[in-house]
PDB file of N, CA and C in Angstrom:
ATOM      1  N   UNK A   1    -171.793 120.056  44.284  1.00  0.00           N
ATOM      2  CA  UNK A   1    -171.454 120.212  42.622  1.00  0.00           C
ATOM      3  C   UNK A   1    -170.761 119.053  43.109  1.00  0.00           C
ATOM      4  N   UNK A   2    -170.322 118.557  41.194  1.00  0.00           N
ATOM      5  CA  UNK A   2    -169.726 116.988  41.449  1.00  0.00           C
ATOM      6  C   UNK A   2    -169.417 117.498  40.712  1.00  0.00           C
ATOM      7  N   UNK A   3    -167.836 116.777  41.189  1.00  0.00           N
ATOM      8  CA  UNK A   3    -166.400 116.907  40.506  1.00  0.00           C
ATOM      9  C   UNK A   3    -165.545 116.123  39.563  1.00  0.00           C
ATOM     10  N   UNK A   4    -166.856 115.105  39.286  1.00  0.00           N
ATOM     11  CA  UNK A   4    -166.399 113.196  39.052  1.00  0.00           C
ATOM     12  C   UNK A   4    -165.317 113.801  37.463  1.00  0.00           C
ATOM     13  N   UNK A   5    -166.031 114.137  37.258  1.00  0.00           N
ATOM     14  CA  UNK A   5    -165.705 114.842  35.498  1.00  0.00           C
ATOM     15  C   UNK A   5    -164.269 115.710  35.084  1.00  0.00           C
ATOM     16  N   UNK A   6    -164.599 115.794  35.898  1.00  0.00           N
ATOM     17  CA  UNK A   6    -163.230 117.219  36.460  1.00  0.00           C
ATOM     18  C   UNK A   6    -161.649 116.316  37.254  1.00  0.00           C
ATOM     19  N   UNK A   7    -162.646 115.255  37.979  1.00  0.00           N
ATOM     20  CA  UNK A   7    -161.546 114.298  38.499  1.00  0.00           C
ATOM     21  C   UNK A   7    -160.468 113.228  37.297  1.00  0.00           C
ATOM     22  N   UNK A   8    -161.750 113.012  36.885  1.00  0.00           N
ATOM     23  CA  UNK A   8    -161.614 111.840  35.447  1.00  0.00           C
ATOM     24  C   UNK A   8    -160.833 112.339  34.604  1.00  0.00           C
ATOM     25  N   UNK A   9    -160.988 114.079  34.596  1.00  0.00           N
ATOM     26  CA  UNK A   9    -160.392 114.271  32.302  1.00  0.00           C
ATOM     27  C   UNK A   9    -158.395 115.179  33.592  1.00  0.00           C
ATOM     28  N   UNK A  10    -158.521 115.250  35.226  1.00  0.00           N
ATOM     29  CA  UNK A  10    -157.270 115.569  35.773  1.00  0.00           C
ATOM     30  C   UNK A  10    -156.159 114.001  35.421  1.00  0.00           C
ATOM     31  N   UNK A  11    -156.884 113.167  35.543  1.00  0.00           N
ATOM     32  CA  UNK A  11    -156.717 111.655  35.733  1.00  0.00           C
ATOM     33  C   UNK A  11    -156.094 111.483  33.938  1.00  0.00           C
ATOM     34  N   UNK A  12    -157.039 110.962  32.959  1.00  0.00           N
ATOM     35  CA  UNK A  12    -156.303 111.195  32.393  1.00  0.00           C
ATOM     36  C   UNK A  12    -155.533 112.205  30.988  1.00  0.00           C
ATOM     37  N   UNK A  13    -155.204 113.319  31.457  1.00  0.00           N
ATOM     38  CA  UNK A  13    -154.083 114.136  31.094  1.00  0.00           C
ATOM     39  C   UNK A  13    -152.816 113.725  31.805  1.00  0.00           C
ATOM     40  N   UNK A  14    -153.107 113.344  33.390  1.00  0.00           N
ATOM     41  CA  UNK A  14    -151.793 113.112  34.057  1.00  0.00           C
ATOM     42  C   UNK A  14    -150.634 111.639  33.123  1.00  0.00           C
ATOM     43  N   UNK A  15    -152.228 111.336  32.969  1.00  0.00           N
ATOM     44  CA  UNK A  15    -151.546 109.195  32.462  1.00  0.00           C
ATOM     45  C   UNK A  15    -151.118 109.726  31.197  1.00  0.00           C
ATOM     46  N   UNK A  16    -152.025 110.385  30.180  1.00  0.00           N
ATOM     47  CA  UNK A  16    -151.480 110.264  28.665  1.00  0.00           C
ATOM     48  C   UNK A  16    -149.954 111.498  28.877  1.00  0.00           C
ATOM     49  N   UNK A  17    -150.195 112.542  29.700  1.00  0.00           N
ATOM     50  CA  UNK A  17    -148.511 113.199  29.731  1.00  0.00           C
ATOM     51  C   UNK A  17    -148.049 112.232  30.457  1.00  0.00           C
ATOM     52  N   UNK A  18    -148.314 110.665  30.797  1.00  0.00           N
ATOM     53  CA  UNK A  18    -146.873 109.844  32.366  1.00  0.00           C
ATOM     54  C   UNK A  18    -147.083 109.482  30.865  1.00  0.00           C
ATOM     55  N   UNK A  19    -147.094 109.259  29.612  1.00  0.00           N
ATOM     56  CA  UNK A  19    -147.163 107.737  28.912  1.00  0.00           C
ATOM     57  C   UNK A  19    -146.101 108.726  27.046  1.00  0.00           C
ATOM     58  N   UNK A  20    -146.338 109.780  27.571  1.00  0.00           N
ATOM     59  CA  UNK A  20    -144.489 110.549  27.026  1.00  0.00           C
ATOM     60  C   UNK A  20    -143.486 110.164  27.042  1.00  0.00           C
ATOM     61  N   UNK A  21    -142.981 110.296  27.890  1.00  0.00           N
ATOM     62  CA  UNK A  21    -141.778 110.449  27.804  1.00  0.00           C
ATOM     63  C   UNK A  21    -141.315 108.935  28.308  1.00  0.00           C
ATOM     64  N   UNK A  22    -142.627 108.073  29.092  1.00  0.00           N
ATOM     65  CA  UNK A  22    -142.463 106.436  29.111  1.00  0.00           C
ATOM     66  C   UNK A  22    -141.906 105.927  27.568  1.00  0.00           C
ATOM     67  N   UNK A  23    -142.262 106.410  26.575  1.00  0.00           N
ATOM     68  CA  UNK A  23    -142.588 106.332  24.926  1.00  0.00           C
ATOM     69  C   UNK A  23    -141.017 106.798  24.562  1.00  0.00           C
ATOM     70  N   UNK A  24    -140.828 107.430  24.641  1.00  0.00           N
ATOM     71  CA  UNK A  24    -139.838 107.784  23.913  1.00  0.00           C
ATOM     72  C   UNK A  24    -138.329 106.891  25.245  1.00  0.00           C
ATOM     73  N   UNK A  25    -137.825 107.005  26.201  1.00  0.00           N
ATOM     74  CA  UNK A  25    -137.385 105.751  26.432  1.00  0.00           C
ATOM     75  C   UNK A  25    -137.281 104.232  26.439  1.00  0.00           C
ATOM     76  N   UNK A  26    -138.937 104.380  25.941  1.00  0.00           N
ATOM     77  CA  UNK A  26    -138.418 102.950  25.593  1.00  0.00           C
ATOM     78  C   UNK A  26    -137.853 102.451  24.943  1.00  0.00           C
ATOM     79  N   UNK A  27    -137.818 103.452  23.838  1.00  0.00           N
ATOM     80  CA  UNK A  27    -137.807 103.598  22.406  1.00  0.00           C
ATOM     81  C   UNK A  27    -135.932 103.807  22.098  1.00  0.00           C
ATOM     82  N   UNK A  28    -135.632 104.602  22.948  1.00  0.00           N
ATOM     83  CA  UNK A  28    -133.638 104.502  23.147  1.00  0.00           C
ATOM     84  C   UNK A  28    -133.603 103.231  23.406  1.00  0.00           C
ATOM     85  N   UNK A  29    -133.465 103.149  24.971  1.00  0.00           N
ATOM     86  CA  UNK A  29    -133.140 102.019  25.316  1.00  0.00           C
ATOM     87  C   UNK A  29    -133.024 101.055  25.286  1.00  0.00           C
ATOM     88  N   UNK A  30    -134.367 100.504  24.276  1.00  0.00           N
ATOM     89  CA  UNK A  30    -134.809  98.946  23.685  1.00  0.00           C
ATOM     90  C   UNK A  30    -135.352  98.956  22.694  1.00  0.00           C
ATOM     91  N   UNK A  31    -135.554 100.190  21.557  1.00  0.00           N
ATOM     92  CA  UNK A  31    -135.769  99.913  20.532  1.00  0.00           C
ATOM     93  C   UNK A  31    -137.402  99.315  20.316  1.00  0.00           C
ATOM     94  N   UNK A  32    -137.977  99.424  19.900  1.00  0.00           N
ATOM     95  CA  UNK A  32    -139.450  99.025  19.285  1.00  0.00           C
ATOM     96  C   UNK A  32    -140.251  96.935  19.933  1.00  0.00           C
ATOM     97  N   UNK A  33    -138.964  97.067  19.859  1.00  0.00           N
ATOM     98  CA  UNK A  33    -139.322  95.558  21.273  1.00  0.00           C
ATOM     99  C   UNK A  33    -140.463  94.737  21.479  1.00  0.00           C
ATOM    100  N   UNK A  34    -140.002  95.737  22.882  1.00  0.00           N
ATOM    101  CA  UNK A  34    -140.741  95.652  23.639  1.00  0.00           C
ATOM    102  C   UNK A  34    -142.813  96.232  23.543  1.00  0.00           C
ATOM    103  N   UNK A  35    -142.810  96.525  22.542  1.00  0.00           N
ATOM    104  CA  UNK A  35    -144.427  96.241  21.646  1.00  0.00           C
ATOM    105  C   UNK A  35    -145.198  95.660  22.431  1.00  0.00           C
ATOM    106  N   UNK A  36    -145.116  94.181  22.235  1.00  0.00           N
ATOM    107  CA  UNK A  36    -145.730  93.153  23.007  1.00  0.00           C
ATOM    108  C   UNK A  36    -146.532  93.797  24.975  1.00  0.00           C
ATOM    109  N   UNK A  37    -144.911  93.723  25.722  1.00  0.00           N
ATOM    110  CA  UNK A  37    -145.512  94.607  26.256  1.00  0.00           C
ATOM    111  C   UNK A  37    -146.510  94.952  26.293  1.00  0.00           C
ATOM    112  N   UNK A  38    -146.426  96.634  25.978  1.00  0.00           N
ATOM    113  CA  UNK A  38    -147.563  97.543  25.944  1.00  0.00           C
ATOM    114  C   UNK A  38    -149.334  96.735  25.554  1.00  0.00           C
ATOM    115  N   UNK A  39    -148.906  96.069  24.826  1.00  0.00           N
ATOM    116  CA  UNK A  39    -149.492  95.277  24.156  1.00  0.00           C
ATOM    117  C   UNK A  39    -150.319  94.335  25.570  1.00  0.00           C
ATOM    118  N   UNK A  40    -149.938  93.534  25.545  1.00  0.00           N
ATOM    119  CA  UNK A  40    -150.218  93.056  27.471  1.00  0.00           C
ATOM    120  C   UNK A  40    -150.732  94.039  28.804  1.00  0.00           C
ATOM    121  N   UNK A  41    -150.626  94.792  28.877  1.00  0.00           N
ATOM    122  CA  UNK A  41    -150.654  96.168  30.396  1.00  0.00           C
ATOM    123  C   UNK A  41    -151.499  97.166  29.742  1.00  0.00           C
ATOM    124  N   UNK A  42    -151.789  97.438  27.954  1.00  0.00           N
ATOM    125  CA  UNK A  42    -152.636  97.757  27.735  1.00  0.00           C
ATOM    126  C   UNK A  42    -154.952  96.977  27.654  1.00  0.00           C
ATOM    127  N   UNK A  43    -154.308  95.781  27.247  1.00  0.00           N
ATOM    128  CA  UNK A  43    -155.435  94.675  27.105  1.00  0.00           C
ATOM    129  C   UNK A  43    -155.728  94.350  29.042  1.00  0.00           C
ATOM    130  N   UNK A  44    -155.119  94.307  29.569  1.00  0.00           N
ATOM    131  CA  UNK A  44    -155.238  94.087  30.876  1.00  0.00           C
ATOM    132  C   UNK A  44    -155.662  94.651  31.798  1.00  0.00           C
ATOM    133  N   UNK A  45    -154.821  96.394  31.223  1.00  0.00           N
ATOM    134  CA  UNK A  45    -155.826  97.310  31.838  1.00  0.00           C
ATOM    135  C   UNK A  45    -157.564  97.865  31.749  1.00  0.00           C
ATOM    136  N   UNK A  46    -157.102  97.475  29.992  1.00  0.00           N
ATOM    137  CA  UNK A  46    -159.514  97.741  30.017  1.00  0.00           C
ATOM    138  C   UNK A  46    -160.026  96.909  29.782  1.00  0.00           C
ATOM    139  N   UNK A  47    -159.578  95.325  29.980  1.00  0.00           N
ATOM    140  CA  UNK A  47    -160.704  94.288  30.856  1.00  0.00           C
ATOM    141  C   UNK A  47    -160.471  94.042  32.303  1.00  0.00           C
ATOM    142  N   UNK A  48    -159.755  94.283  32.659  1.00  0.00           N
ATOM    143  CA  UNK A  48    -159.790  95.617  34.331  1.00  0.00           C
ATOM    144  C   UNK A  48    -161.171  96.038  34.899  1.00  0.00           C
ATOM    145  N   UNK A  49    -160.388  97.045  33.829  1.00  0.00           N
ATOM    146  CA  UNK A  49    -161.373  98.712  34.054  1.00  0.00           C
ATOM    147  C   UNK A  49    -163.109  97.670  33.991  1.00  0.00           C
ATOM    148  N   UNK A  50    -163.035  96.494  33.175  1.00  0.00           N
ATOM    149  CA  UNK A  50    -164.511  96.208  33.020  1.00  0.00           C
ATOM    150  C   UNK A  50    -165.143  95.379  34.419  1.00  0.00           C
ATOM    151  N   UNK A  51    -164.385  95.427  34.730  1.00  0.00           N
ATOM    152  CA  UNK A  51    -164.806  94.168  36.916  1.00  0.00           C
ATOM    153  C   UNK A  51    -164.398  94.806  37.932  1.00  0.00           C
ATOM    154  N   UNK A  52    -164.403  96.395  37.598  1.00  0.00           N
ATOM    155  CA  UNK A  52    -164.010  97.247  38.607  1.00  0.00           C
ATOM    156  C   UNK A  52    -164.838  98.128  38.872  1.00  0.00           C
ATOM    157  N   UNK A  53    -166.047  98.062  40.208  1.00  0.00           N
ATOM    158  CA  UNK A  53    -166.505  99.104  40.296  1.00  0.00           C
ATOM    159  C   UNK A  53    -166.682 100.390  40.548  1.00  0.00           C
ATOM    160  N   UNK A  54    -165.739 100.910  40.728  1.00  0.00           N
ATOM    161  CA  UNK A  54    -165.030 101.704  41.506  1.00  0.00           C
ATOM    162  C   UNK A  54    -164.874 102.904  40.302  1.00  0.00           C
ATOM    163  N   UNK A  55    -165.864 104.421  39.941  1.00  0.00           N
ATOM    164  CA  UNK A  55    -165.597 104.453  39.412  1.00  0.00           C
ATOM    165  C   UNK A  55    -163.956 105.559  38.734  1.00  0.00           C
ATOM    166  N   UNK A  56    -163.382 106.176  39.585  1.00  0.00           N
ATOM    167  CA  UNK A  56    -162.906 106.503  39.192  1.00  0.00           C
ATOM    168  C   UNK A  56    -161.067 105.339  39.061  1.00  0.00           C
ATOM    169  N   UNK A  57    -161.247 104.109  40.244  1.00  0.00           N
ATOM    170  CA  UNK A  57    -160.749 103.210  39.174  1.00  0.00           C
ATOM    171  C   UNK A  57    -160.100 102.840  37.640  1.00  0.00           C
ATOM    172  N   UNK A  58    -160.860 102.123  37.185  1.00  0.00           N
ATOM    173  CA  UNK A  58    -162.717 101.524  36.451  1.00  0.00           C
ATOM    174  C   UNK A  58    -161.339 103.277  35.525  1.00  0.00           C
ATOM    175  N   UNK A  59    -161.819 104.168  35.487  1.00  0.00           N
ATOM    176  CA  UNK A  59    -162.115 105.017  34.204  1.00  0.00           C
ATOM    177  C   UNK A  59    -159.603 104.719  34.598  1.00  0.00           C
ATOM    178  N   UNK A  60    -159.356 105.080  35.844  1.00  0.00           N
ATOM    179  CA  UNK A  60    -157.548 105.661  35.779  1.00  0.00           C
ATOM    180  C   UNK A  60    -157.521 103.908  34.693  1.00  0.00           C
ATOM    181  N   UNK A  61    -157.739 103.308  35.409  1.00  0.00           N
ATOM    182  CA  UNK A  61    -157.256 101.401  33.605  1.00  0.00           C
ATOM    183  C   UNK A  61    -157.486 101.629  32.237  1.00  0.00           C
ATOM    184  N   UNK A  62    -159.080 102.355  32.311  1.00  0.00           N
ATOM    185  CA  UNK A  62    -158.940 102.439  31.528  1.00  0.00           C
ATOM    186  C   UNK A  62    -158.173 102.702  30.339  1.00  0.00           C
ATOM    187  N   UNK A  63    -158.487 104.704  30.796  1.00  0.00           N
ATOM    188  CA  UNK A  63    -157.197 104.766  30.400  1.00  0.00           C
ATOM    189  C   UNK A  63    -156.068 105.368  30.355  1.00  0.00           C
ATOM    190  N   UNK A  64    -155.223 104.055  31.356  1.00  0.00           N
ATOM    191  CA  UNK A  64    -153.886 103.816  31.754  1.00  0.00           C
ATOM    192  C   UNK A  64    -153.813 102.875  30.103  1.00  0.00           C
ATOM    193  N   UNK A  65    -155.157 102.097  29.991  1.00  0.00           N
ATOM    194  CA  UNK A  65    -154.661 100.308  28.972  1.00  0.00           C
ATOM    195  C   UNK A  65    -154.747 101.447  28.020  1.00  0.00           C
ATOM    196  N   UNK A  66    -156.186 102.262  27.181  1.00  0.00           N
ATOM    197  CA  UNK A  66    -155.771 102.976  26.212  1.00  0.00           C
ATOM    198  C   UNK A  66    -155.062 103.680  25.804  1.00  0.00           C
ATOM    199  N   UNK A  67    -153.857 104.020  26.701  1.00  0.00           N
ATOM    200  CA  UNK A  67    -153.084 105.037  26.305  1.00  0.00           C
ATOM    201  C   UNK A  67    -152.305 103.688  25.882  1.00  0.00           C
ATOM    202  N   UNK A  68    -151.511 102.395  26.222  1.00  0.00           N
ATOM    203  CA  UNK A  68    -151.186 101.759  26.432  1.00  0.00           C
ATOM    204  C   UNK A  68    -150.560 101.411  25.204  1.00  0.00           C
ATOM    205  N   UNK A  69    -152.114 100.595  24.663  1.00  0.00           N
ATOM    206  CA  UNK A  69    -152.203 100.264  23.681  1.00  0.00           C
ATOM    207  C   UNK A  69    -152.198 101.425  22.394  1.00  0.00           C
ATOM    208  N   UNK A  70    -152.091 103.068  22.552  1.00  0.00           N
ATOM    209  CA  UNK A  70    -151.502 104.110  21.877  1.00  0.00           C
ATOM    210  C   UNK A  70    -150.505 104.484  21.515  1.00  0.00           C
ATOM    211  N   UNK A  71    -149.819 104.122  23.127  1.00  0.00           N
ATOM    212  CA  UNK A  71    -148.035 103.717  23.031  1.00  0.00           C
ATOM    213  C   UNK A  71    -147.876 102.628  22.312  1.00  0.00           C
ATOM    214  N   UNK A  72    -148.156 101.706  21.469  1.00  0.00           N
ATOM    215  CA  UNK A  72    -148.046 101.519  20.869  1.00  0.00           C
ATOM    216  C   UNK A  72    -147.456 101.655  19.525  1.00  0.00           C
ATOM    217  N   UNK A  73    -148.454 102.380  18.683  1.00  0.00           N
ATOM    218  CA  UNK A  73    -148.450 102.904  17.348  1.00  0.00           C
ATOM    219  C   UNK A  73    -147.226 104.313  17.784  1.00  0.00           C
ATOM    220  N   UNK A  74    -146.985 104.568  18.153  1.00  0.00           N
ATOM    221  CA  UNK A  74    -146.671 105.621  18.763  1.00  0.00           C
ATOM    222  C   UNK A  74    -144.794 105.056  18.898  1.00  0.00           C
ATOM    223  N   UNK A  75    -144.079 103.762  19.753  1.00  0.00           N
ATOM    224  CA  UNK A  75    -143.202 102.873  20.215  1.00  0.00           C
ATOM    225  C   UNK A  75    -143.097 103.643  18.711  1.00  0.00           C
ATOM    226  N   UNK A  76    -143.272 102.739  17.644  1.00  0.00           N
ATOM    227  CA  UNK A  76    -143.047 103.061  15.853  1.00  0.00           C
ATOM    228  C   UNK A  76    -142.924 103.955  15.529  1.00  0.00           C
ATOM    229  N   UNK A  77    -143.219 105.932  15.899  1.00  0.00           N
ATOM    230  CA  UNK A  77    -143.896 106.868  15.210  1.00  0.00           C
ATOM    231  C   UNK A  77    -142.229 107.533  15.907  1.00  0.00           C
ATOM    232  N   UNK A  78    -142.020 106.611  16.820  1.00  0.00           N
ATOM    233  CA  UNK A  78    -141.335 107.763  17.490  1.00  0.00           C
ATOM    234  C   UNK A  78    -139.625 106.888  16.866  1.00  0.00           C
ATOM    235  N   UNK A  79    -139.498 105.795  16.639  1.00  0.00           N
ATOM    236  CA  UNK A  79    -138.318 105.089  15.782  1.00  0.00           C
ATOM    237  C   UNK A  79    -138.275 105.954  14.875  1.00  0.00           C
ATOM    238  N   UNK A  80    -139.420 106.570  14.093  1.00  0.00           N
ATOM    239  CA  UNK A  80    -139.329 106.861  12.624  1.00  0.00           C
ATOM    240  C   UNK A  80    -138.815 108.818  12.404  1.00  0.00           C
ATOM    241  N   UNK A  81    -139.051 109.044  14.024  1.00  0.00           N
ATOM    242  CA  UNK A  81    -138.583 110.567  15.021  1.00  0.00           C
ATOM    243  C   UNK A  81    -137.370 110.355  14.918  1.00  0.00           C
ATOM    244  N   UNK A  82    -136.532 109.351  15.671  1.00  0.00           N
ATOM    245  CA  UNK A  82    -135.217 109.277  16.127  1.00  0.00           C
ATOM    246  C   UNK A  82    -134.636 108.902  14.721  1.00  0.00           C
ATOM    247  N   UNK A  83    -134.624 108.225  13.573  1.00  0.00           N
ATOM    248  CA  UNK A  83    -133.869 107.975  11.736  1.00  0.00           C
ATOM    249  C   UNK A  83    -134.331 109.367  11.360  1.00  0.00           C
ATOM    250  N   UNK A  84    -135.120 110.441  11.667  1.00  0.00           N
ATOM    251  CA  UNK A  84    -135.352 111.233  11.340  1.00  0.00           C
ATOM    252  C   UNK A  84    -134.098 112.694  12.035  1.00  0.00           C
ATOM    253  N   UNK A  85    -133.307 112.084  13.373  1.00  0.00           N
ATOM    254  CA  UNK A  85    -132.738 113.453  13.956  1.00  0.00           C
ATOM    255  C   UNK A  85    -133.300 114.092  14.347  1.00  0.00           C
ATOM    256  N   UNK A  86    -134.958 114.202  14.366  1.00  0.00           N
ATOM    257  CA  UNK A  86    -135.504 115.066  15.094  1.00  0.00           C
ATOM    258  C   UNK A  86    -135.310 114.532  16.809  1.00  0.00           C
ATOM    259  N   UNK A  87    -134.485 113.195  18.155  1.00  0.00           N
ATOM    260  CA  UNK A  87    -134.775 112.755  18.705  1.00  0.00           C
ATOM    261  C   UNK A  87    -133.031 111.344  18.112  1.00  0.00           C
ATOM    262  N   UNK A  88    -132.747 111.915  19.451  1.00  0.00           N
ATOM    263  CA  UNK A  88    -131.686 111.521  20.404  1.00  0.00           C
ATOM    264  C   UNK A  88    -131.088 109.806  19.515  1.00  0.00           C
ATOM    265  N   UNK A  89    -131.032 108.813  18.715  1.00  0.00           N
ATOM    266  CA  UNK A  89    -130.256 107.988  19.220  1.00  0.00           C
ATOM    267  C   UNK A  89    -129.098 107.294  19.452  1.00  0.00           C
ATOM    268  N   UNK A  90    -129.985 105.423  20.332  1.00  0.00           N
ATOM    269  CA  UNK A  90    -128.731 105.727  21.714  1.00  0.00           C
ATOM    270  C   UNK A  90    -127.580 105.522  21.210  1.00  0.00           C
ATOM    271  N   UNK A  91    -126.775 105.267  21.417  1.00  0.00           N
ATOM    272  CA  UNK A  91    -125.016 105.058  20.390  1.00  0.00           C
ATOM    273  C   UNK A  91    -123.980 103.302  21.311  1.00  0.00           C
ATOM    274  N   UNK A  92    -125.456 103.026  21.876  1.00  0.00           N
ATOM    275  CA  UNK A  92    -125.381 101.497  23.095  1.00  0.00           C
ATOM    276  C   UNK A  92    -125.707 101.470  22.219  1.00  0.00           C
ATOM    277  N   UNK A  93    -127.113 101.174  21.874  1.00  0.00           N
ATOM    278  CA  UNK A  93    -127.997 100.253  21.045  1.00  0.00           C
ATOM    279  C   UNK A  93    -127.890  99.868  19.709  1.00  0.00           C
ATOM    280  N   UNK A  94    -127.316  99.233  18.524  1.00  0.00           N
ATOM    281  CA  UNK A  94    -127.245  98.321  17.682  1.00  0.00           C
ATOM    282  C   UNK A  94    -128.057  99.098  16.219  1.00  0.00           C
ATOM    283  N   UNK A  95    -128.482  99.613  15.473  1.00  0.00           N
ATOM    284  CA  UNK A  95    -129.663  99.415  14.776  1.00  0.00           C
ATOM    285  C   UNK A  95    -129.386  98.839  13.933  1.00  0.00           C
ATOM    286  N   UNK A  96    -130.964  98.494  13.784  1.00  0.00           N
ATOM    287  CA  UNK A  96    -131.220  97.122  12.950  1.00  0.00           C
ATOM    288  C   UNK A  96    -131.477  96.657  11.607  1.00  0.00           C
TER     289      UNK A  96
END
């Protein structure tokens, strides 16, 4: 049997699951300002995935990079969810 697909699916599931709390915590502590970091990480990982021959590492970098890029939109969506009161706002951070 070949487990490559199942392993990549599990890595994808875990990576996406990891990004969910990262986005929430980022918005809570820093707002939407770190979107540029998400962009740089996403592009860097996706480009690096093109040059790695190991299918597992390349897949992980591709999924991690795509999740970082997707996280940019989620960061701004999280801001809207906080404004609606669905998530707590950090009282130590000033509202802009």
